Structures are given as structure tokens and as C-alpha cells.
All heavy atoms as atom14 arrays in JSON, in Angstrom:
{
  "sequence": "PYHVYVNDEGEVIKPEFEGPDIPVIICPTTLSGGEFNPLSGA",
  "atom14_mask": [
    [1, 1, 1, 1, 1, 1, 1, 0, 0, 0, 0, 0, 0, 0],
    [1, 1, 1, 1, 1, 1, 1, 1, 1, 1, 1, 1, 0, 0],
    [1, 1, 1, 1, 1, 1, 1, 1, 1, 1, 0, 0, 0, 0],
    [1, 1, 1, 1, 1, 1, 1, 0, 0, 0, 0, 0, 0, 0],
    [1, 1, 1, 1, 1, 1, 1, 1, 1, 1, 1, 1, 0, 0],
    [1, 1, 1, 1, 1, 1, 1, 0, 0, 0, 0, 0, 0, 0],
    [1, 1, 1, 1, 1, 1, 1, 1, 0, 0, 0, 0, 0, 0],
    [1, 1, 1, 1, 1, 1, 1, 1, 0, 0, 0, 0, 0, 0],
    [1, 1, 1, 1, 1, 1, 1, 1, 1, 0, 0, 0, 0, 0],
    [1, 1, 1, 1, 0, 0, 0, 0, 0, 0, 0, 0, 0, 0],
    [1, 1, 1, 1, 1, 1, 1, 1, 1, 0, 0, 0, 0, 0],
    [1, 1, 1, 1, 1, 1, 1, 0, 0, 0, 0, 0, 0, 0],
    [1, 1, 1, 1, 1, 1, 1, 1, 0, 0, 0, 0, 0, 0],
    [1, 1, 1, 1, 1, 1, 1, 1, 1, 0, 0, 0, 0, 0],
    [1, 1, 1, 1, 1, 1, 1, 0, 0, 0, 0, 0, 0, 0],
    [1, 1, 1, 1, 1, 1, 1, 1, 1, 0, 0, 0, 0, 0],
    [1, 1, 1, 1, 1, 1, 1, 1, 1, 1, 1, 0, 0, 0],
    [1, 1, 1, 1, 1, 1, 1, 1, 1, 0, 0, 0, 0, 0],
    [1, 1, 1, 1, 0, 0, 0, 0, 0, 0, 0, 0, 0, 0],
    [1, 1, 1, 1, 1, 1, 1, 0, 0, 0, 0, 0, 0, 0],
    [1, 1, 1, 1, 1, 1, 1, 1, 0, 0, 0, 0, 0, 0],
    [1, 1, 1, 1, 1, 1, 1, 1, 0, 0, 0, 0, 0, 0],
    [1, 1, 1, 1, 1, 1, 1, 0, 0, 0, 0, 0, 0, 0],
    [1, 1, 1, 1, 1, 1, 1, 0, 0, 0, 0, 0, 0, 0],
    [1, 1, 1, 1, 1, 1, 1, 1, 0, 0, 0, 0, 0, 0],
    [1, 1, 1, 1, 1, 1, 1, 1, 0, 0, 0, 0, 0, 0],
    [1, 1, 1, 1, 1, 1, 0, 0, 0, 0, 0, 0, 0, 0],
    [1, 1, 1, 1, 1, 1, 1, 0, 0, 0, 0, 0, 0, 0],
    [1, 1, 1, 1, 1, 1, 1, 0, 0, 0, 0, 0, 0, 0],
    [1, 1, 1, 1, 1, 1, 1, 0, 0, 0, 0, 0, 0, 0],
    [1, 1, 1, 1, 1, 1, 1, 1, 0, 0, 0, 0, 0, 0],
    [1, 1, 1, 1, 1, 1, 0, 0, 0, 0, 0, 0, 0, 0],
    [1, 1, 1, 1, 0, 0, 0, 0, 0, 0, 0, 0, 0, 0],
    [1, 1, 1, 1, 0, 0, 0, 0, 0, 0, 0, 0, 0, 0],
    [1, 1, 1, 1, 1, 1, 1, 1, 1, 0, 0, 0, 0, 0],
    [1, 1, 1, 1, 1, 1, 1, 1, 1, 1, 1, 0, 0, 0],
    [1, 1, 1, 1, 1, 1, 1, 1, 0, 0, 0, 0, 0, 0],
    [1, 1, 1, 1, 1, 1, 1, 0, 0, 0, 0, 0, 0, 0],
    [1, 1, 1, 1, 1, 1, 1, 1, 0, 0, 0, 0, 0, 0],
    [1, 1, 1, 1, 1, 1, 0, 0, 0, 0, 0, 0, 0, 0],
    [1, 1, 1, 1, 0, 0, 0, 0, 0, 0, 0, 0, 0, 0],
    [1, 1, 1, 1, 1, 0, 0, 0, 0, 0, 0, 0, 0, 0]
  ],
  "atom14_positions": [
    [[5.38, -5.58, 48.66], [4.11, -5.27, 49.35], [4.12, -3.95, 50.12], [3.08, -3.56, 50.66], [3.95, -6.45, 50.33], [4.92, -7.49, 49.88], [6.04, -6.76, 49.25], [0.0, 0.0, 0.0], [0.0, 0.0, 0.0], [0.0, 0.0, 0.0], [0.0, 0.0, 0.0], [0.0, 0.0, 0.0], [0.0, 0.0, 0.0], [0.0, 0.0, 0.0]],
    [[5.25, -3.26, 50.17], [5.37, -2.11, 51.06], [5.34, -0.75, 50.36], [5.27, 0.28, 51.03], [6.66, -2.23, 51.89], [6.65, -3.41, 52.82], [7.11, -4.66, 52.41], [6.16, -3.29, 54.12], [7.09, -5.76, 53.26], [6.14, -4.38, 54.98], [6.6, -5.6, 54.54], [6.56, -6.68, 55.39], [0.0, 0.0, 0.0], [0.0, 0.0, 0.0]],
    [[5.42, -0.73, 49.02], [5.52, 0.58, 48.38], [4.16, 1.13, 47.97], [3.2, 0.39, 47.69], [6.46, 0.52, 47.16], [5.95, -0.24, 45.98], [5.04, 0.28, 45.09], [6.25, -1.48, 45.53], [4.79, -0.6, 44.14], [5.5, -1.69, 44.39], [0.0, 0.0, 0.0], [0.0, 0.0, 0.0], [0.0, 0.0, 0.0], [0.0, 0.0, 0.0]],
    [[4.07, 2.44, 47.94], [2.87, 3.14, 47.51], [2.68, 2.91, 46.01], [3.66, 2.87, 45.25], [3.0, 4.65, 47.79], [1.76, 5.41, 47.33], [3.25, 4.9, 49.29], [0.0, 0.0, 0.0], [0.0, 0.0, 0.0], [0.0, 0.0, 0.0], [0.0, 0.0, 0.0], [0.0, 0.0, 0.0], [0.0, 0.0, 0.0], [0.0, 0.0, 0.0]],
    [[1.43, 2.76, 45.58], [1.18, 2.58, 44.14], [-0.17, 3.16, 43.77], [-0.99, 3.49, 44.65], [1.27, 1.11, 43.74], [0.19, 0.23, 44.33], [-0.99, -0.06, 43.62], [0.33, -0.33, 45.6], [-1.97, -0.87, 44.16], [-0.65, -1.13, 46.15], [-1.8, -1.4, 45.42], [-2.78, -2.2, 45.97], [0.0, 0.0, 0.0], [0.0, 0.0, 0.0]],
    [[-0.39, 3.32, 42.47], [-1.66, 3.81, 41.96], [-2.37, 2.64, 41.26], [-1.79, 2.0, 40.38], [-1.45, 4.97, 40.96], [-2.79, 5.44, 40.39], [-0.72, 6.12, 41.63], [0.0, 0.0, 0.0], [0.0, 0.0, 0.0], [0.0, 0.0, 0.0], [0.0, 0.0, 0.0], [0.0, 0.0, 0.0], [0.0, 0.0, 0.0], [0.0, 0.0, 0.0]],
    [[-3.62, 2.36, 41.66], [-4.33, 1.23, 41.06], [-4.97, 1.62, 39.72], [-4.85, 2.76, 39.27], [-5.36, 0.65, 42.03], [-6.51, 1.61, 42.33], [-6.72, 2.59, 41.62], [-7.26, 1.31, 43.37], [0.0, 0.0, 0.0], [0.0, 0.0, 0.0], [0.0, 0.0, 0.0], [0.0, 0.0, 0.0], [0.0, 0.0, 0.0], [0.0, 0.0, 0.0]],
    [[-5.63, 0.67, 39.12], [-6.21, 0.9, 37.78], [-7.29, 1.97, 37.78], [-7.59, 2.56, 36.74], [-6.79, -0.41, 37.24], [-5.72, -1.45, 36.93], [-4.56, -1.04, 36.77], [-6.04, -2.64, 36.87], [0.0, 0.0, 0.0], [0.0, 0.0, 0.0], [0.0, 0.0, 0.0], [0.0, 0.0, 0.0], [0.0, 0.0, 0.0], [0.0, 0.0, 0.0]],
    [[-7.88, 2.25, 38.94], [-8.91, 3.28, 39.03], [-8.32, 4.66, 39.33], [-9.04, 5.64, 39.49], [-9.92, 2.93, 40.13], [-10.85, 1.78, 39.78], [-10.14, 0.44, 39.8], [-9.34, 0.2, 40.73], [-10.35, -0.36, 38.85], [0.0, 0.0, 0.0], [0.0, 0.0, 0.0], [0.0, 0.0, 0.0], [0.0, 0.0, 0.0], [0.0, 0.0, 0.0]],
    [[-6.99, 4.72, 39.42], [-6.33, 5.99, 39.68], [-6.24, 6.35, 41.15], [-5.86, 7.48, 41.5], [0.0, 0.0, 0.0], [0.0, 0.0, 0.0], [0.0, 0.0, 0.0], [0.0, 0.0, 0.0], [0.0, 0.0, 0.0], [0.0, 0.0, 0.0], [0.0, 0.0, 0.0], [0.0, 0.0, 0.0], [0.0, 0.0, 0.0], [0.0, 0.0, 0.0]],
    [[-6.55, 5.4, 42.03], [-6.49, 5.66, 43.47], [-5.08, 5.38, 43.99], [-4.44, 4.4, 43.6], [-7.48, 4.75, 44.2], [-8.93, 4.95, 43.79], [-9.83, 3.86, 44.34], [-9.41, 2.67, 44.33], [-10.94, 4.2, 44.77], [0.0, 0.0, 0.0], [0.0, 0.0, 0.0], [0.0, 0.0, 0.0], [0.0, 0.0, 0.0], [0.0, 0.0, 0.0]],
    [[-4.6, 6.26, 44.87], [-3.3, 6.06, 45.5], [-3.47, 5.09, 46.66], [-4.25, 5.33, 47.58], [-2.71, 7.39, 46.0], [-1.41, 7.15, 46.75], [-2.48, 8.35, 44.83], [0.0, 0.0, 0.0], [0.0, 0.0, 0.0], [0.0, 0.0, 0.0], [0.0, 0.0, 0.0], [0.0, 0.0, 0.0], [0.0, 0.0, 0.0], [0.0, 0.0, 0.0]],
    [[-2.75, 3.99, 46.61], [-2.83, 2.96, 47.64], [-1.56, 3.0, 48.49], [-0.45, 2.82, 47.98], [-2.99, 1.55, 47.02], [-4.18, 1.53, 46.05], [-3.15, 0.5, 48.11], [-5.51, 1.87, 46.67], [0.0, 0.0, 0.0], [0.0, 0.0, 0.0], [0.0, 0.0, 0.0], [0.0, 0.0, 0.0], [0.0, 0.0, 0.0], [0.0, 0.0, 0.0]],
    [[-1.76, 3.22, 49.78], [-0.63, 3.23, 50.73], [-0.77, 2.0, 51.62], [-1.65, 1.96, 52.49], [-0.64, 4.5, 51.57], [-0.45, 5.77, 50.75], [-0.42, 7.0, 51.63], [-0.21, 8.26, 50.79], [-0.14, 9.49, 51.63], [0.0, 0.0, 0.0], [0.0, 0.0, 0.0], [0.0, 0.0, 0.0], [0.0, 0.0, 0.0], [0.0, 0.0, 0.0]],
    [[0.06, 0.99, 51.39], [-0.06, -0.24, 52.18], [0.09, 0.04, 53.67], [0.84, 0.92, 54.09], [1.1, -1.1, 51.67], [1.41, -0.56, 50.31], [1.14, 0.91, 50.39], [0.0, 0.0, 0.0], [0.0, 0.0, 0.0], [0.0, 0.0, 0.0], [0.0, 0.0, 0.0], [0.0, 0.0, 0.0], [0.0, 0.0, 0.0], [0.0, 0.0, 0.0]],
    [[-0.64, -0.7, 54.46], [-0.55, -0.58, 55.91], [0.37, -1.67, 56.45], [0.27, -2.83, 56.07], [-1.94, -0.69, 56.55], [-2.86, 0.47, 56.19], [-4.17, 0.4, 56.94], [-4.29, -0.44, 57.86], [-5.07, 1.2, 56.6], [0.0, 0.0, 0.0], [0.0, 0.0, 0.0], [0.0, 0.0, 0.0], [0.0, 0.0, 0.0], [0.0, 0.0, 0.0]],
    [[1.29, -1.26, 57.31], [2.22, -2.21, 57.91], [2.74, -1.6, 59.2], [2.58, -0.4, 59.46], [3.38, -2.54, 56.96], [4.05, -1.33, 56.36], [5.03, -0.63, 57.04], [3.69, -0.89, 55.08], [5.66, 0.47, 56.48], [4.31, 0.22, 54.51], [5.3, 0.9, 55.22], [0.0, 0.0, 0.0], [0.0, 0.0, 0.0], [0.0, 0.0, 0.0]],
    [[3.36, -2.42, 60.01], [3.94, -1.94, 61.26], [5.21, -1.17, 60.96], [6.06, -1.62, 60.19], [4.23, -3.12, 62.19], [4.57, -2.71, 63.61], [4.69, -3.91, 64.54], [4.36, -5.04, 64.11], [5.12, -3.72, 65.7], [0.0, 0.0, 0.0], [0.0, 0.0, 0.0], [0.0, 0.0, 0.0], [0.0, 0.0, 0.0], [0.0, 0.0, 0.0]],
    [[5.33, -0.01, 61.55], [6.48, 0.85, 61.28], [7.76, 0.36, 61.94], [7.71, -0.45, 62.88], [0.0, 0.0, 0.0], [0.0, 0.0, 0.0], [0.0, 0.0, 0.0], [0.0, 0.0, 0.0], [0.0, 0.0, 0.0], [0.0, 0.0, 0.0], [0.0, 0.0, 0.0], [0.0, 0.0, 0.0], [0.0, 0.0, 0.0], [0.0, 0.0, 0.0]],
    [[8.91, 0.84, 61.46], [10.18, 0.43, 62.04], [10.35, 0.97, 63.45], [9.72, 1.96, 63.83], [11.21, 1.04, 61.08], [10.51, 2.17, 60.41], [9.07, 1.77, 60.33], [0.0, 0.0, 0.0], [0.0, 0.0, 0.0], [0.0, 0.0, 0.0], [0.0, 0.0, 0.0], [0.0, 0.0, 0.0], [0.0, 0.0, 0.0], [0.0, 0.0, 0.0]],
    [[11.2, 0.3, 64.24], [11.42, 0.74, 65.61], [12.88, 1.05, 65.91], [13.2, 1.5, 67.01], [10.86, -0.28, 66.61], [11.19, -1.72, 66.24], [12.22, -1.93, 65.57], [10.41, -2.61, 66.6], [0.0, 0.0, 0.0], [0.0, 0.0, 0.0], [0.0, 0.0, 0.0], [0.0, 0.0, 0.0], [0.0, 0.0, 0.0], [0.0, 0.0, 0.0]],
    [[13.78, 0.8, 64.97], [15.18, 1.2, 65.17], [15.28, 2.69, 64.82], [14.93, 3.1, 63.71], [16.13, 0.37, 64.29], [16.13, -1.08, 64.77], [17.54, 0.94, 64.31], [17.01, -1.99, 63.95], [0.0, 0.0, 0.0], [0.0, 0.0, 0.0], [0.0, 0.0, 0.0], [0.0, 0.0, 0.0], [0.0, 0.0, 0.0], [0.0, 0.0, 0.0]],
    [[15.74, 3.53, 65.74], [15.79, 4.98, 65.47], [16.78, 5.33, 64.38], [17.86, 4.72, 64.27], [16.2, 5.58, 66.82], [16.9, 4.47, 67.54], [16.24, 3.2, 67.09], [0.0, 0.0, 0.0], [0.0, 0.0, 0.0], [0.0, 0.0, 0.0], [0.0, 0.0, 0.0], [0.0, 0.0, 0.0], [0.0, 0.0, 0.0], [0.0, 0.0, 0.0]],
    [[16.39, 6.31, 63.57], [17.25, 6.82, 62.5], [17.54, 8.3, 62.78], [16.62, 9.06, 63.13], [16.56, 6.67, 61.13], [17.42, 7.28, 60.02], [16.27, 5.21, 60.83], [0.0, 0.0, 0.0], [0.0, 0.0, 0.0], [0.0, 0.0, 0.0], [0.0, 0.0, 0.0], [0.0, 0.0, 0.0], [0.0, 0.0, 0.0], [0.0, 0.0, 0.0]],
    [[18.79, 8.68, 62.65], [19.19, 10.08, 62.79], [19.85, 10.5, 61.49], [20.71, 9.79, 60.95], [20.15, 10.29, 63.97], [19.44, 9.91, 65.28], [20.64, 11.73, 64.03], [20.31, 10.04, 66.5], [0.0, 0.0, 0.0], [0.0, 0.0, 0.0], [0.0, 0.0, 0.0], [0.0, 0.0, 0.0], [0.0, 0.0, 0.0], [0.0, 0.0, 0.0]],
    [[19.46, 11.66, 60.98], [19.9, 12.07, 59.64], [20.66, 13.38, 59.69], [20.22, 14.36, 60.29], [18.69, 12.19, 58.7], [18.04, 10.81, 58.52], [19.08, 12.78, 57.36], [16.79, 10.81, 57.68], [0.0, 0.0, 0.0], [0.0, 0.0, 0.0], [0.0, 0.0, 0.0], [0.0, 0.0, 0.0], [0.0, 0.0, 0.0], [0.0, 0.0, 0.0]],
    [[21.83, 13.37, 59.04], [22.65, 14.57, 58.87], [22.7, 14.87, 57.37], [23.53, 14.31, 56.64], [24.07, 14.34, 59.38], [24.17, 13.72, 61.08], [0.0, 0.0, 0.0], [0.0, 0.0, 0.0], [0.0, 0.0, 0.0], [0.0, 0.0, 0.0], [0.0, 0.0, 0.0], [0.0, 0.0, 0.0], [0.0, 0.0, 0.0], [0.0, 0.0, 0.0]],
    [[21.82, 15.74, 56.87], [21.75, 15.97, 55.43], [22.86, 16.9, 54.94], [23.29, 17.82, 55.65], [20.38, 16.63, 55.25], [20.17, 17.36, 56.54], [20.8, 16.51, 57.6], [0.0, 0.0, 0.0], [0.0, 0.0, 0.0], [0.0, 0.0, 0.0], [0.0, 0.0, 0.0], [0.0, 0.0, 0.0], [0.0, 0.0, 0.0], [0.0, 0.0, 0.0]],
    [[23.31, 16.66, 53.72], [24.31, 17.54, 53.1], [23.77, 18.22, 51.85], [24.5, 18.92, 51.17], [25.58, 16.74, 52.74], [25.24, 15.69, 51.84], [26.23, 16.16, 53.99], [0.0, 0.0, 0.0], [0.0, 0.0, 0.0], [0.0, 0.0, 0.0], [0.0, 0.0, 0.0], [0.0, 0.0, 0.0], [0.0, 0.0, 0.0], [0.0, 0.0, 0.0]],
    [[22.5, 17.97, 51.54], [21.84, 18.65, 50.42], [20.52, 19.22, 50.94], [20.24, 19.17, 52.14], [21.59, 17.69, 49.24], [20.73, 16.62, 49.68], [22.9, 17.11, 48.72], [0.0, 0.0, 0.0], [0.0, 0.0, 0.0], [0.0, 0.0, 0.0], [0.0, 0.0, 0.0], [0.0, 0.0, 0.0], [0.0, 0.0, 0.0], [0.0, 0.0, 0.0]],
    [[19.71, 19.77, 50.03], [18.56, 20.56, 50.44], [17.21, 19.99, 49.98], [16.21, 20.72, 50.0], [18.71, 21.99, 49.91], [19.86, 22.8, 50.5], [20.09, 24.08, 49.71], [19.59, 23.13, 51.97], [0.0, 0.0, 0.0], [0.0, 0.0, 0.0], [0.0, 0.0, 0.0], [0.0, 0.0, 0.0], [0.0, 0.0, 0.0], [0.0, 0.0, 0.0]],
    [[17.16, 18.73, 49.59], [15.91, 18.19, 49.07], [14.85, 18.05, 50.16], [13.66, 17.96, 49.87], [16.14, 16.85, 48.38], [16.75, 15.94, 49.27], [0.0, 0.0, 0.0], [0.0, 0.0, 0.0], [0.0, 0.0, 0.0], [0.0, 0.0, 0.0], [0.0, 0.0, 0.0], [0.0, 0.0, 0.0], [0.0, 0.0, 0.0], [0.0, 0.0, 0.0]],
    [[15.25, 18.02, 51.43], [14.31, 18.03, 52.54], [13.76, 16.68, 52.94], [12.96, 16.58, 53.87], [0.0, 0.0, 0.0], [0.0, 0.0, 0.0], [0.0, 0.0, 0.0], [0.0, 0.0, 0.0], [0.0, 0.0, 0.0], [0.0, 0.0, 0.0], [0.0, 0.0, 0.0], [0.0, 0.0, 0.0], [0.0, 0.0, 0.0], [0.0, 0.0, 0.0]],
    [[14.18, 15.61, 52.26], [13.64, 14.29, 52.55], [13.94, 13.8, 53.96], [13.28, 12.89, 54.45], [0.0, 0.0, 0.0], [0.0, 0.0, 0.0], [0.0, 0.0, 0.0], [0.0, 0.0, 0.0], [0.0, 0.0, 0.0], [0.0, 0.0, 0.0], [0.0, 0.0, 0.0], [0.0, 0.0, 0.0], [0.0, 0.0, 0.0], [0.0, 0.0, 0.0]],
    [[14.91, 14.43, 54.62], [15.26, 14.02, 55.98], [14.1, 14.21, 56.96], [14.06, 13.58, 58.01], [16.49, 14.77, 56.47], [16.37, 16.28, 56.48], [16.77, 16.94, 55.19], [16.95, 16.23, 54.18], [16.92, 18.18, 55.18], [0.0, 0.0, 0.0], [0.0, 0.0, 0.0], [0.0, 0.0, 0.0], [0.0, 0.0, 0.0], [0.0, 0.0, 0.0]],
    [[13.15, 15.08, 56.63], [12.03, 15.31, 57.54], [10.79, 14.5, 57.17], [9.8, 14.52, 57.88], [11.66, 16.8, 57.51], [12.74, 17.68, 58.07], [13.61, 18.35, 57.24], [12.9, 17.82, 59.45], [14.61, 19.15, 57.76], [13.9, 18.61, 59.97], [14.77, 19.29, 59.13], [0.0, 0.0, 0.0], [0.0, 0.0, 0.0], [0.0, 0.0, 0.0]],
    [[10.86, 13.8, 56.07], [9.68, 13.18, 55.49], [9.57, 11.7, 55.88], [10.56, 10.97, 55.81], [9.78, 13.28, 53.95], [8.46, 13.11, 53.26], [7.5, 12.63, 53.84], [8.42, 13.48, 52.0], [0.0, 0.0, 0.0], [0.0, 0.0, 0.0], [0.0, 0.0, 0.0], [0.0, 0.0, 0.0], [0.0, 0.0, 0.0], [0.0, 0.0, 0.0]],
    [[8.38, 11.24, 56.28], [8.22, 9.8, 56.51], [8.09, 9.0, 55.22], [7.98, 7.78, 55.26], [6.92, 9.73, 57.31], [6.15, 10.92, 56.87], [7.17, 11.99, 56.61], [0.0, 0.0, 0.0], [0.0, 0.0, 0.0], [0.0, 0.0, 0.0], [0.0, 0.0, 0.0], [0.0, 0.0, 0.0], [0.0, 0.0, 0.0], [0.0, 0.0, 0.0]],
    [[8.12, 9.69, 54.09], [8.09, 9.05, 52.77], [9.51, 8.96, 52.22], [10.24, 9.95, 52.23], [7.22, 9.87, 51.81], [7.2, 9.44, 50.34], [6.48, 8.12, 50.17], [6.53, 10.52, 49.49], [0.0, 0.0, 0.0], [0.0, 0.0, 0.0], [0.0, 0.0, 0.0], [0.0, 0.0, 0.0], [0.0, 0.0, 0.0], [0.0, 0.0, 0.0]],
    [[9.89, 7.78, 51.76], [11.21, 7.58, 51.16], [11.06, 6.95, 49.78], [10.11, 6.2, 49.54], [12.09, 6.66, 52.03], [12.54, 7.33, 53.18], [0.0, 0.0, 0.0], [0.0, 0.0, 0.0], [0.0, 0.0, 0.0], [0.0, 0.0, 0.0], [0.0, 0.0, 0.0], [0.0, 0.0, 0.0], [0.0, 0.0, 0.0], [0.0, 0.0, 0.0]],
    [[12.02, 7.23, 48.91], [11.98, 6.66, 47.57], [13.11, 5.68, 47.33], [14.24, 5.9, 47.77], [0.0, 0.0, 0.0], [0.0, 0.0, 0.0], [0.0, 0.0, 0.0], [0.0, 0.0, 0.0], [0.0, 0.0, 0.0], [0.0, 0.0, 0.0], [0.0, 0.0, 0.0], [0.0, 0.0, 0.0], [0.0, 0.0, 0.0], [0.0, 0.0, 0.0]],
    [[12.8, 4.6, 46.64], [13.81, 3.64, 46.18], [13.42, 3.2, 44.78], [12.24, 3.15, 44.44], [13.9, 2.44, 47.11], [0.0, 0.0, 0.0], [0.0, 0.0, 0.0], [0.0, 0.0, 0.0], [0.0, 0.0, 0.0], [0.0, 0.0, 0.0], [0.0, 0.0, 0.0], [0.0, 0.0, 0.0], [0.0, 0.0, 0.0], [0.0, 0.0, 0.0]]
  ]
}
């Protein structure tokens, strides 16, 4: 229920939910830039 998806009409659906509250600190070793993004991929 939490991942972004595209519906049959081609609309991007971003589910609404309460955000996490445990702080995350990131030390990146590559350059993709995802460390700054609130979007994550799995």
C-alpha cells in the first residue's frame, strides 16, 4: 500500500501515509544523489 504506482488512466498515484520519525543519517559512497531524495526505490 505504500509504493508509488501508475493507474490504468496513466495517473501517478502517490499513497498518503504518516512519515517515519526515526532519524536517518546518510554517508554516501557513490554519486547517484538518492541520499538527498525523499523518494526511495525497492
